[in-house]
Amino acid sequence: MEGRIYISGAFTNIKYVKCKPNKNWLDNDPHFWNEPPTWGICRTDFRKRLDKNDYIFFVLPKEAELPQMIYGYIKIQESISHMEAYNRFPQKRMKNNNPNGNIIVDKFGNYNRFDNNIHKDKFERIKNYYIIGDKNNSSFLLPGKIIKLSKYFLPTLQNIFNSKAEDIFGIIGRKGRILNDAQIIKLLNWLN
């Protein structure tokens, strides 16, 4: 078992809001709004290296609407291509609504126009790795829990990573961080 933790900079709002693309458009990857939890667009470098039973922890950026804290995590059940995901998970397909799905291909396997050219330049890399989460061992935290735990998040990270850094970014960094088995278990025990 291995894990990753990273700050998902574009994910600043966890509300489920349906709207047309505008300033309130939500980032939708990872996608927790319907089962199973999935992760298909961001951080291809992590997605292509993680295997079944590994964990990924997602952290809100400092400028999010809620305090900087883990907002969700996924225990990986399997990794497939976006084309296979398109065929198996119609509820995750990109449509012109919000939160939009996180399958970046259309029915022909081409780039989905509803991504609004945001990831078009990375499409060839992204389309090969789509993570399906174990719905019983993954979680999307409610705002109340995020707020409650956020005051203990930095000390918890300092303890888990044996770090004296004085902010969350100083521990996780811009590129994220690898977690070993013991660190994953400590983090899960703290969250639950």
N, C-alpha and C. Protein backbone atom coordinates (compact mmCIF):
# COMPACT_ATOMS: atom_id res chain seq x y z
N MET A 1 0.86 -1.18 0.00
CA MET A 1 0.00 0.00 0.00
C MET A 1 0.90 1.23 0.00
N GLU A 2 0.53 2.16 -0.87
CA GLU A 2 1.26 3.42 -0.97
C GLU A 2 0.22 4.53 -1.05
N GLY A 3 0.64 5.75 -0.80
CA GLY A 3 -0.30 6.85 -0.89
C GLY A 3 0.34 8.12 -1.39
N ARG A 4 -0.52 9.05 -1.75
CA ARG A 4 -0.11 10.39 -2.16
C ARG A 4 -1.04 11.38 -1.49
N ILE A 5 -0.53 12.55 -1.21
CA ILE A 5 -1.34 13.66 -0.72
C ILE A 5 -0.92 14.88 -1.51
N TYR A 6 -1.88 15.64 -1.96
CA TYR A 6 -1.54 16.87 -2.69
C TYR A 6 -2.63 17.91 -2.52
N ILE A 7 -2.22 19.15 -2.74
CA ILE A 7 -3.13 20.29 -2.67
C ILE A 7 -3.73 20.47 -4.06
N SER A 8 -5.03 20.28 -4.19
CA SER A 8 -5.68 20.43 -5.49
C SER A 8 -6.13 21.88 -5.64
N GLY A 9 -5.24 22.67 -6.21
CA GLY A 9 -5.38 24.11 -6.27
C GLY A 9 -6.64 24.65 -6.90
N ALA A 10 -7.22 23.94 -7.86
CA ALA A 10 -8.42 24.45 -8.53
C ALA A 10 -9.70 24.11 -7.78
N PHE A 11 -9.60 23.25 -6.80
CA PHE A 11 -10.78 22.76 -6.09
C PHE A 11 -11.04 23.66 -4.88
N THR A 12 -11.73 24.76 -5.07
CA THR A 12 -11.92 25.74 -4.00
C THR A 12 -13.30 25.72 -3.39
N ASN A 13 -14.20 24.89 -3.91
CA ASN A 13 -15.58 24.87 -3.46
C ASN A 13 -16.08 23.42 -3.53
N ILE A 14 -16.68 22.91 -2.45
CA ILE A 14 -17.14 21.52 -2.48
C ILE A 14 -18.66 21.39 -2.59
N LYS A 15 -19.34 22.51 -2.79
CA LYS A 15 -20.79 22.47 -2.89
C LYS A 15 -21.24 21.82 -4.20
N TYR A 16 -22.38 21.16 -4.16
CA TYR A 16 -22.99 20.62 -5.37
C TYR A 16 -23.93 21.68 -5.92
N VAL A 17 -23.51 22.32 -6.99
CA VAL A 17 -24.29 23.41 -7.58
C VAL A 17 -24.36 23.17 -9.09
N LYS A 18 -25.57 23.18 -9.66
CA LYS A 18 -25.69 23.04 -11.11
C LYS A 18 -25.77 24.43 -11.73
N CYS A 19 -24.90 24.70 -12.66
CA CYS A 19 -24.92 26.01 -13.33
C CYS A 19 -24.13 25.93 -14.63
N LYS A 20 -24.23 26.96 -15.43
CA LYS A 20 -23.44 27.07 -16.65
C LYS A 20 -22.03 27.52 -16.28
N PRO A 21 -21.05 27.28 -17.13
CA PRO A 21 -19.69 27.70 -16.81
C PRO A 21 -19.61 29.21 -16.55
N ASN A 22 -19.15 29.56 -15.40
CA ASN A 22 -18.90 30.95 -15.02
C ASN A 22 -17.99 30.96 -13.81
N LYS A 23 -17.94 32.05 -13.07
CA LYS A 23 -17.03 32.12 -11.93
C LYS A 23 -17.40 31.13 -10.83
N ASN A 24 -18.62 30.62 -10.84
CA ASN A 24 -19.03 29.65 -9.84
C ASN A 24 -18.91 28.20 -10.33
N TRP A 25 -18.35 28.01 -11.52
CA TRP A 25 -18.18 26.67 -12.06
C TRP A 25 -17.23 25.91 -11.14
N LEU A 26 -17.59 24.71 -10.77
CA LEU A 26 -16.79 23.92 -9.84
C LEU A 26 -15.79 23.05 -10.57
N ASP A 27 -14.62 22.88 -9.95
CA ASP A 27 -13.72 21.85 -10.42
C ASP A 27 -14.40 20.53 -10.07
N ASN A 28 -14.23 19.53 -10.87
CA ASN A 28 -14.98 18.30 -10.65
C ASN A 28 -14.09 17.07 -10.64
N ASP A 29 -12.84 17.25 -10.34
CA ASP A 29 -11.93 16.12 -10.30
C ASP A 29 -11.03 16.25 -9.09
N PRO A 30 -11.18 15.41 -8.11
CA PRO A 30 -11.92 14.16 -8.09
C PRO A 30 -13.43 14.39 -8.13
N HIS A 31 -14.14 13.34 -8.50
CA HIS A 31 -15.59 13.44 -8.66
C HIS A 31 -16.27 12.53 -7.64
N PHE A 32 -16.83 13.15 -6.59
CA PHE A 32 -17.49 12.42 -5.51
C PHE A 32 -19.01 12.54 -5.58
N TRP A 33 -19.57 13.26 -6.55
CA TRP A 33 -20.99 13.57 -6.51
C TRP A 33 -21.91 12.41 -6.85
N ASN A 34 -21.41 11.37 -7.44
CA ASN A 34 -22.19 10.15 -7.61
C ASN A 34 -21.22 8.97 -7.56
N GLU A 35 -21.78 7.80 -7.28
CA GLU A 35 -20.94 6.61 -7.08
C GLU A 35 -20.48 6.03 -8.40
N PRO A 36 -19.30 5.45 -8.43
CA PRO A 36 -18.30 5.41 -7.39
C PRO A 36 -17.47 6.69 -7.40
N PRO A 37 -16.70 6.95 -6.34
CA PRO A 37 -15.81 8.11 -6.40
C PRO A 37 -14.74 7.86 -7.47
N THR A 38 -14.42 8.89 -8.24
CA THR A 38 -13.45 8.73 -9.33
C THR A 38 -12.48 9.89 -9.37
N TRP A 39 -11.36 9.66 -10.02
CA TRP A 39 -10.32 10.67 -10.18
C TRP A 39 -9.73 10.45 -11.56
N GLY A 40 -9.94 11.42 -12.47
CA GLY A 40 -9.57 11.13 -13.84
C GLY A 40 -8.82 12.18 -14.62
N ILE A 41 -8.63 13.38 -14.09
CA ILE A 41 -8.01 14.43 -14.91
C ILE A 41 -6.73 14.95 -14.28
N CYS A 42 -6.80 15.38 -13.04
CA CYS A 42 -5.65 16.03 -12.39
C CYS A 42 -4.56 15.03 -12.02
N ARG A 43 -3.35 15.48 -12.08
CA ARG A 43 -2.18 14.75 -11.61
C ARG A 43 -2.01 13.37 -12.26
N THR A 44 -1.89 13.38 -13.57
CA THR A 44 -1.63 12.13 -14.29
C THR A 44 -0.37 11.47 -13.76
N ASP A 45 0.60 12.27 -13.32
CA ASP A 45 1.84 11.70 -12.79
C ASP A 45 1.55 10.78 -11.60
N PHE A 46 0.60 11.14 -10.74
CA PHE A 46 0.21 10.28 -9.63
C PHE A 46 -0.68 9.14 -10.11
N ARG A 47 -1.68 9.45 -10.94
CA ARG A 47 -2.65 8.44 -11.34
C ARG A 47 -2.00 7.26 -12.04
N LYS A 48 -0.96 7.49 -12.83
CA LYS A 48 -0.35 6.38 -13.56
C LYS A 48 0.59 5.54 -12.68
N ARG A 49 0.91 6.02 -11.48
CA ARG A 49 1.80 5.27 -10.60
C ARG A 49 1.09 4.55 -9.46
N LEU A 50 -0.16 4.89 -9.22
CA LEU A 50 -0.89 4.29 -8.11
C LEU A 50 -1.59 3.00 -8.54
N ASP A 51 -1.66 2.06 -7.62
CA ASP A 51 -2.23 0.75 -7.90
C ASP A 51 -3.43 0.45 -6.99
N LYS A 52 -4.05 -0.66 -7.22
CA LYS A 52 -5.16 -1.11 -6.39
C LYS A 52 -4.73 -1.11 -4.92
N ASN A 53 -5.63 -0.61 -4.06
CA ASN A 53 -5.44 -0.51 -2.61
C ASN A 53 -4.54 0.64 -2.17
N ASP A 54 -4.00 1.41 -3.09
CA ASP A 54 -3.27 2.63 -2.72
C ASP A 54 -4.29 3.71 -2.39
N TYR A 55 -3.83 4.76 -1.73
CA TYR A 55 -4.70 5.88 -1.33
C TYR A 55 -4.22 7.19 -1.92
N ILE A 56 -5.18 8.07 -2.19
CA ILE A 56 -4.88 9.44 -2.58
C ILE A 56 -5.71 10.35 -1.68
N PHE A 57 -5.06 11.37 -1.10
CA PHE A 57 -5.71 12.34 -0.23
C PHE A 57 -5.69 13.70 -0.91
N PHE A 58 -6.83 14.36 -0.95
CA PHE A 58 -6.99 15.64 -1.63
C PHE A 58 -7.13 16.75 -0.60
N VAL A 59 -6.34 17.82 -0.75
CA VAL A 59 -6.32 18.92 0.20
C VAL A 59 -6.78 20.20 -0.49
N LEU A 60 -7.64 20.93 0.20
CA LEU A 60 -8.10 22.23 -0.31
C LEU A 60 -6.94 23.22 -0.34
N PRO A 61 -6.93 24.14 -1.30
CA PRO A 61 -5.90 25.17 -1.31
C PRO A 61 -6.18 26.21 -0.22
N LYS A 62 -5.18 27.01 0.06
CA LYS A 62 -5.29 28.02 1.11
C LYS A 62 -6.41 29.02 0.83
N GLU A 63 -6.68 29.30 -0.45
CA GLU A 63 -7.69 30.31 -0.80
C GLU A 63 -9.08 29.72 -1.02
N ALA A 64 -9.32 28.51 -0.55
CA ALA A 64 -10.64 27.88 -0.69
C ALA A 64 -11.66 28.54 0.23
N GLU A 65 -12.94 28.26 -0.03
CA GLU A 65 -14.02 28.79 0.80
C GLU A 65 -14.01 28.20 2.21
N LEU A 66 -13.48 26.99 2.35
CA LEU A 66 -13.34 26.33 3.65
C LEU A 66 -11.87 26.36 4.05
N PRO A 67 -11.55 26.08 5.33
CA PRO A 67 -10.15 26.06 5.75
C PRO A 67 -9.34 25.01 4.99
N GLN A 68 -8.04 25.26 4.89
CA GLN A 68 -7.17 24.32 4.19
C GLN A 68 -7.10 23.02 4.99
N MET A 69 -7.55 21.95 4.34
CA MET A 69 -7.72 20.68 5.04
C MET A 69 -8.00 19.62 3.99
N ILE A 70 -7.83 18.35 4.34
CA ILE A 70 -8.24 17.25 3.46
C ILE A 70 -9.75 17.36 3.27
N TYR A 71 -10.21 17.31 2.03
CA TYR A 71 -11.65 17.34 1.78
C TYR A 71 -12.16 15.99 1.28
N GLY A 72 -11.25 15.10 0.94
CA GLY A 72 -11.65 13.79 0.48
C GLY A 72 -10.46 12.88 0.26
N TYR A 73 -10.74 11.59 0.20
CA TYR A 73 -9.70 10.63 -0.13
C TYR A 73 -10.34 9.44 -0.84
N ILE A 74 -9.51 8.77 -1.62
CA ILE A 74 -9.96 7.60 -2.39
C ILE A 74 -8.99 6.45 -2.14
N LYS A 75 -9.57 5.29 -1.82
CA LYS A 75 -8.80 4.05 -1.86
C LYS A 75 -9.04 3.47 -3.25
N ILE A 76 -7.98 3.20 -3.96
CA ILE A 76 -8.09 2.80 -5.36
C ILE A 76 -8.56 1.35 -5.49
N GLN A 77 -9.62 1.20 -6.26
CA GLN A 77 -10.16 -0.12 -6.57
C GLN A 77 -9.60 -0.62 -7.90
N GLU A 78 -9.51 0.29 -8.89
CA GLU A 78 -8.92 -0.08 -10.18
C GLU A 78 -8.57 1.16 -10.97
N SER A 79 -7.69 0.95 -11.95
CA SER A 79 -7.32 2.01 -12.88
C SER A 79 -7.64 1.53 -14.29
N ILE A 80 -8.37 2.36 -15.03
CA ILE A 80 -8.80 2.01 -16.38
C ILE A 80 -8.56 3.21 -17.30
N SER A 81 -8.85 3.06 -18.57
CA SER A 81 -8.76 4.19 -19.50
C SER A 81 -10.05 5.00 -19.44
N HIS A 82 -10.01 6.22 -19.93
CA HIS A 82 -11.20 7.06 -19.99
C HIS A 82 -12.25 6.47 -20.93
N MET A 83 -11.81 5.79 -21.99
CA MET A 83 -12.77 5.17 -22.92
C MET A 83 -13.54 4.06 -22.21
N GLU A 84 -12.85 3.24 -21.42
CA GLU A 84 -13.54 2.21 -20.66
C GLU A 84 -14.47 2.85 -19.62
N ALA A 85 -14.00 3.93 -19.00
CA ALA A 85 -14.84 4.64 -18.03
C ALA A 85 -16.09 5.20 -18.70
N TYR A 86 -15.95 5.73 -19.92
CA TYR A 86 -17.09 6.27 -20.66
C TYR A 86 -18.16 5.19 -20.84
N ASN A 87 -17.73 3.99 -21.16
CA ASN A 87 -18.67 2.90 -21.40
C ASN A 87 -19.27 2.34 -20.11
N ARG A 88 -18.54 2.38 -19.02
CA ARG A 88 -19.02 1.79 -17.76
C ARG A 88 -19.75 2.76 -16.84
N PHE A 89 -19.43 4.05 -16.91
CA PHE A 89 -19.95 5.01 -15.94
C PHE A 89 -20.59 6.23 -16.63
N PRO A 90 -21.77 6.05 -17.22
CA PRO A 90 -22.41 7.17 -17.92
C PRO A 90 -22.66 8.37 -17.01
N GLN A 91 -22.82 8.15 -15.71
CA GLN A 91 -23.06 9.24 -14.76
C GLN A 91 -21.82 10.12 -14.56
N LYS A 92 -20.67 9.70 -15.06
CA LYS A 92 -19.43 10.47 -14.92
C LYS A 92 -19.01 11.16 -16.21
N ARG A 93 -19.82 11.02 -17.26
CA ARG A 93 -19.49 11.67 -18.54
C ARG A 93 -19.64 13.17 -18.43
N MET A 94 -18.79 13.91 -19.15
CA MET A 94 -18.90 15.36 -19.18
C MET A 94 -20.14 15.76 -19.96
N LYS A 95 -20.88 16.65 -19.34
CA LYS A 95 -22.07 17.22 -19.97
C LYS A 95 -22.01 18.72 -19.73
N ASN A 96 -22.97 19.44 -20.21
CA ASN A 96 -22.96 20.89 -20.01
C ASN A 96 -23.75 21.24 -18.74
N ASN A 97 -23.31 20.68 -17.61
CA ASN A 97 -23.90 21.02 -16.32
C ASN A 97 -22.82 21.01 -15.26
N ASN A 98 -23.18 21.23 -14.03
CA ASN A 98 -22.20 21.40 -12.98
C ASN A 98 -22.66 20.71 -11.71
N PRO A 99 -21.86 19.90 -11.01
CA PRO A 99 -20.49 19.59 -11.40
C PRO A 99 -20.47 18.65 -12.60
N ASN A 100 -19.68 19.03 -13.54
CA ASN A 100 -19.52 18.31 -14.78
C ASN A 100 -18.84 16.97 -14.48
N GLY A 101 -19.01 15.99 -15.34
CA GLY A 101 -18.32 14.72 -15.15
C GLY A 101 -16.83 14.85 -15.36
N ASN A 102 -16.09 13.81 -15.00
CA ASN A 102 -14.64 13.88 -15.16
C ASN A 102 -14.09 12.85 -16.13
N ILE A 103 -14.93 12.37 -17.04
CA ILE A 103 -14.46 11.53 -18.14
C ILE A 103 -14.18 12.46 -19.32
N ILE A 104 -12.94 12.49 -19.74
CA ILE A 104 -12.50 13.53 -20.68
C ILE A 104 -12.66 13.13 -22.15
N VAL A 105 -13.20 11.94 -22.42
CA VAL A 105 -13.41 11.52 -23.81
C VAL A 105 -14.90 11.59 -24.16
N ASP A 106 -15.17 11.67 -25.45
CA ASP A 106 -16.56 11.56 -25.93
C ASP A 106 -16.79 10.11 -26.36
N LYS A 107 -17.93 9.82 -26.96
CA LYS A 107 -18.28 8.44 -27.31
C LYS A 107 -17.35 7.82 -28.36
N PHE A 108 -16.58 8.65 -29.04
CA PHE A 108 -15.63 8.14 -30.04
C PHE A 108 -14.21 8.05 -29.50
N GLY A 109 -14.01 8.44 -28.24
CA GLY A 109 -12.67 8.43 -27.66
C GLY A 109 -11.89 9.70 -27.92
N ASN A 110 -12.55 10.70 -28.52
CA ASN A 110 -11.91 11.98 -28.80
C ASN A 110 -12.06 12.92 -27.59
N TYR A 111 -11.37 14.02 -27.64
CA TYR A 111 -11.44 15.02 -26.57
C TYR A 111 -12.87 15.55 -26.44
N ASN A 112 -13.38 15.58 -25.22
CA ASN A 112 -14.75 16.03 -24.97
C ASN A 112 -14.83 17.55 -24.97
N ARG A 113 -15.67 18.11 -25.84
CA ARG A 113 -15.78 19.56 -25.98
C ARG A 113 -16.26 20.25 -24.70
N PHE A 114 -16.96 19.54 -23.82
CA PHE A 114 -17.47 20.15 -22.59
C PHE A 114 -16.36 20.41 -21.56
N ASP A 115 -15.14 19.97 -21.85
CA ASP A 115 -14.00 20.34 -21.00
C ASP A 115 -13.53 21.75 -21.31
N ASN A 116 -14.12 22.37 -22.31
CA ASN A 116 -13.83 23.78 -22.66
C ASN A 116 -12.36 24.08 -22.93
N ASN A 117 -11.66 23.13 -23.54
CA ASN A 117 -10.25 23.27 -23.91
C ASN A 117 -9.30 23.42 -22.72
N ILE A 118 -9.78 23.18 -21.50
CA ILE A 118 -8.95 23.36 -20.32
C ILE A 118 -7.78 22.37 -20.29
N HIS A 119 -8.04 21.12 -20.68
CA HIS A 119 -7.00 20.08 -20.61
C HIS A 119 -6.64 19.53 -22.00
N LYS A 120 -7.02 20.24 -23.04
CA LYS A 120 -6.81 19.72 -24.40
C LYS A 120 -5.34 19.44 -24.69
N ASP A 121 -4.45 20.29 -24.21
CA ASP A 121 -3.02 20.10 -24.48
C ASP A 121 -2.44 18.88 -23.75
N LYS A 122 -3.13 18.37 -22.73
CA LYS A 122 -2.66 17.21 -21.97
C LYS A 122 -3.51 15.97 -22.23
N PHE A 123 -4.44 16.08 -23.16
CA PHE A 123 -5.42 15.03 -23.40
C PHE A 123 -4.79 13.66 -23.63
N GLU A 124 -3.76 13.59 -24.46
CA GLU A 124 -3.14 12.29 -24.80
C GLU A 124 -2.61 11.58 -23.56
N ARG A 125 -2.10 12.32 -22.59
CA ARG A 125 -1.61 11.71 -21.35
C ARG A 125 -2.77 11.36 -20.42
N ILE A 126 -3.72 12.25 -20.30
CA ILE A 126 -4.82 12.09 -19.35
C ILE A 126 -5.70 10.89 -19.70
N LYS A 127 -6.01 10.69 -20.97
CA LYS A 127 -7.04 9.72 -21.39
C LYS A 127 -6.73 8.27 -21.05
N ASN A 128 -5.51 7.98 -20.66
CA ASN A 128 -5.13 6.59 -20.38
C ASN A 128 -5.31 6.15 -18.94
N TYR A 129 -5.55 7.09 -18.03
CA TYR A 129 -5.57 6.75 -16.60
C TYR A 129 -6.80 7.34 -15.92
N TYR A 130 -7.69 6.48 -15.51
CA TYR A 130 -8.91 6.88 -14.82
C TYR A 130 -9.04 6.00 -13.58
N ILE A 131 -9.07 6.60 -12.42
CA ILE A 131 -9.08 5.88 -11.15
C ILE A 131 -10.52 5.70 -10.65
N ILE A 132 -10.84 4.47 -10.30
CA ILE A 132 -12.13 4.14 -9.69
C ILE A 132 -11.85 3.89 -8.21
N GLY A 133 -12.60 4.58 -7.35
CA GLY A 133 -12.43 4.41 -5.92
C GLY A 133 -13.30 3.32 -5.34
N ASP A 134 -12.82 2.76 -4.25
CA ASP A 134 -13.60 1.81 -3.46
C ASP A 134 -14.61 2.63 -2.66
N LYS A 135 -15.89 2.51 -2.99
CA LYS A 135 -16.90 3.38 -2.38
C LYS A 135 -17.03 3.18 -0.88
N ASN A 136 -16.60 2.03 -0.36
CA ASN A 136 -16.69 1.78 1.08
C ASN A 136 -15.47 2.28 1.85
N ASN A 137 -14.39 2.60 1.15
CA ASN A 137 -13.16 3.04 1.80
C ASN A 137 -12.65 4.34 1.22
N SER A 138 -13.55 5.15 0.72
CA SER A 138 -13.24 6.48 0.20
C SER A 138 -14.21 7.43 0.88
N SER A 139 -13.86 8.71 0.92
CA SER A 139 -14.75 9.65 1.63
C SER A 139 -14.62 11.06 1.07
N PHE A 140 -15.76 11.73 1.02
CA PHE A 140 -15.85 13.15 0.68
C PHE A 140 -16.37 13.82 1.95
N LEU A 141 -15.53 14.59 2.62
CA LEU A 141 -15.87 15.15 3.92
C LEU A 141 -16.90 16.26 3.82
N LEU A 142 -17.77 16.30 4.79
CA LEU A 142 -18.76 17.37 4.88
C LEU A 142 -18.09 18.64 5.41
N PRO A 143 -18.63 19.81 5.06
CA PRO A 143 -18.02 21.07 5.51
C PRO A 143 -17.81 21.14 7.03
N GLY A 144 -18.77 20.66 7.82
CA GLY A 144 -18.62 20.70 9.27
C GLY A 144 -17.41 19.93 9.76
N LYS A 145 -17.17 18.76 9.17
CA LYS A 145 -16.02 17.95 9.55
C LYS A 145 -14.72 18.61 9.11
N ILE A 146 -14.73 19.20 7.93
CA ILE A 146 -13.54 19.92 7.45
C ILE A 146 -13.18 21.04 8.41
N ILE A 147 -14.18 21.82 8.80
CA ILE A 147 -13.95 22.95 9.71
C ILE A 147 -13.44 22.43 11.07
N LYS A 148 -14.09 21.40 11.59
CA LYS A 148 -13.72 20.86 12.91
C LYS A 148 -12.28 20.34 12.93
N LEU A 149 -11.91 19.58 11.91
CA LEU A 149 -10.58 18.96 11.88
C LEU A 149 -9.47 19.92 11.43
N SER A 150 -9.84 20.99 10.74
CA SER A 150 -8.83 21.86 10.13
C SER A 150 -7.85 22.45 11.14
N LYS A 151 -8.30 22.74 12.36
CA LYS A 151 -7.40 23.34 13.35
C LYS A 151 -6.33 22.36 13.82
N TYR A 152 -6.54 21.06 13.58
CA TYR A 152 -5.56 20.05 13.97
C TYR A 152 -4.78 19.49 12.78
N PHE A 153 -5.08 20.00 11.59
CA PHE A 153 -4.48 19.43 10.38
C PHE A 153 -2.97 19.65 10.33
N LEU A 154 -2.52 20.87 10.54
CA LEU A 154 -1.08 21.14 10.49
C LEU A 154 -0.32 20.32 11.54
N PRO A 155 -0.74 20.32 12.82
CA PRO A 155 -0.01 19.49 13.79
C PRO A 155 -0.02 18.00 13.44
N THR A 156 -1.12 17.53 12.85
CA THR A 156 -1.19 16.13 12.45
C THR A 156 -0.18 15.84 11.35
N LEU A 157 -0.10 16.72 10.34
CA LEU A 157 0.89 16.54 9.27
C LEU A 157 2.31 16.63 9.83
N GLN A 158 2.55 17.57 10.73
CA GLN A 158 3.89 17.71 11.34
C GLN A 158 4.29 16.41 12.02
N ASN A 159 3.34 15.79 12.72
CA ASN A 159 3.60 14.53 13.42
C ASN A 159 3.82 13.39 12.44
N ILE A 160 2.94 13.26 11.46
CA ILE A 160 3.03 12.15 10.50
C ILE A 160 4.31 12.20 9.69
N PHE A 161 4.72 13.41 9.28
CA PHE A 161 5.91 13.55 8.43
C PHE A 161 7.15 13.98 9.21
N ASN A 162 7.02 14.04 10.56
CA ASN A 162 8.14 14.46 11.40
C ASN A 162 8.75 15.76 10.87
N SER A 163 7.88 16.74 10.70
CA SER A 163 8.27 18.02 10.09
C SER A 163 8.08 19.17 11.06
N LYS A 164 8.95 20.16 10.93
CA LYS A 164 8.82 21.38 11.72
C LYS A 164 8.29 22.55 10.88
N ALA A 165 7.89 22.26 9.64
CA ALA A 165 7.35 23.30 8.77
C ALA A 165 6.16 23.98 9.46
N GLU A 166 6.02 25.27 9.23
CA GLU A 166 5.00 26.04 9.94
C GLU A 166 3.74 26.28 9.13
N ASP A 167 3.64 25.66 7.96
CA ASP A 167 2.40 25.74 7.19
C ASP A 167 2.22 24.46 6.40
N ILE A 168 1.01 24.24 5.94
CA ILE A 168 0.64 23.00 5.25
C ILE A 168 1.41 22.86 3.94
N PHE A 169 1.54 23.96 3.20
CA PHE A 169 2.28 23.92 1.95
C PHE A 169 3.74 23.51 2.19
N GLY A 170 4.30 23.95 3.31
CA GLY A 170 5.69 23.60 3.64
C GLY A 170 5.89 22.11 3.83
N ILE A 171 4.84 21.40 4.19
CA ILE A 171 4.93 19.95 4.38
C ILE A 171 4.56 19.20 3.10
N ILE A 172 3.45 19.59 2.48
CA ILE A 172 2.98 18.87 1.29
C ILE A 172 3.72 19.31 0.03
N GLY A 173 4.00 20.61 -0.07
CA GLY A 173 4.72 21.12 -1.23
C GLY A 173 3.84 21.29 -2.46
N ARG A 174 4.43 21.85 -3.49
CA ARG A 174 3.70 22.11 -4.74
C ARG A 174 3.39 20.81 -5.50
N LYS A 175 4.28 19.83 -5.41
CA LYS A 175 4.11 18.60 -6.18
C LYS A 175 3.45 17.47 -5.40
N GLY A 176 3.11 17.70 -4.13
CA GLY A 176 2.50 16.64 -3.34
C GLY A 176 3.56 15.82 -2.64
N ARG A 177 3.09 14.81 -1.95
CA ARG A 177 4.00 14.03 -1.14
C ARG A 177 3.57 12.56 -1.11
N ILE A 178 4.56 11.67 -1.03
CA ILE A 178 4.31 10.23 -0.94
C ILE A 178 4.10 9.86 0.53
N LEU A 179 3.18 8.93 0.77
CA LEU A 179 2.94 8.40 2.11
C LEU A 179 3.22 6.90 2.11
N ASN A 180 3.86 6.41 3.18
CA ASN A 180 4.05 4.97 3.33
C ASN A 180 2.86 4.38 4.09
N ASP A 181 2.87 3.06 4.29
CA ASP A 181 1.76 2.38 4.95
C ASP A 181 1.43 2.99 6.31
N ALA A 182 2.44 3.17 7.14
CA ALA A 182 2.22 3.68 8.50
C ALA A 182 1.63 5.09 8.46
N GLN A 183 2.09 5.93 7.55
CA GLN A 183 1.58 7.30 7.43
C GLN A 183 0.12 7.30 6.97
N ILE A 184 -0.21 6.41 6.04
CA ILE A 184 -1.59 6.30 5.56
C ILE A 184 -2.51 5.90 6.72
N ILE A 185 -2.10 4.90 7.48
CA ILE A 185 -2.92 4.43 8.60
C ILE A 185 -3.11 5.52 9.63
N LYS A 186 -2.05 6.27 9.95
CA LYS A 186 -2.17 7.38 10.91
C LYS A 186 -3.15 8.42 10.40
N LEU A 187 -3.05 8.77 9.13
CA LEU A 187 -3.91 9.79 8.57
C LEU A 187 -5.39 9.31 8.54
N LEU A 188 -5.61 8.07 8.15
CA LEU A 188 -6.97 7.52 8.14
C LEU A 188 -7.55 7.46 9.55
N ASN A 189 -6.75 7.02 10.52
CA ASN A 189 -7.23 6.96 11.90
C ASN A 189 -7.61 8.35 12.40
N TRP A 190 -6.80 9.35 12.05
CA TRP A 190 -7.11 10.72 12.47
C TRP A 190 -8.38 11.23 11.81
N LEU A 191 -8.55 10.96 10.55
CA LEU A 191 -9.73 11.43 9.82
C LEU A 191 -11.01 10.74 10.28
N ASN A 192 -10.90 9.50 10.70
CA ASN A 192 -12.09 8.73 11.06
C ASN A 192 -12.26 8.54 12.55
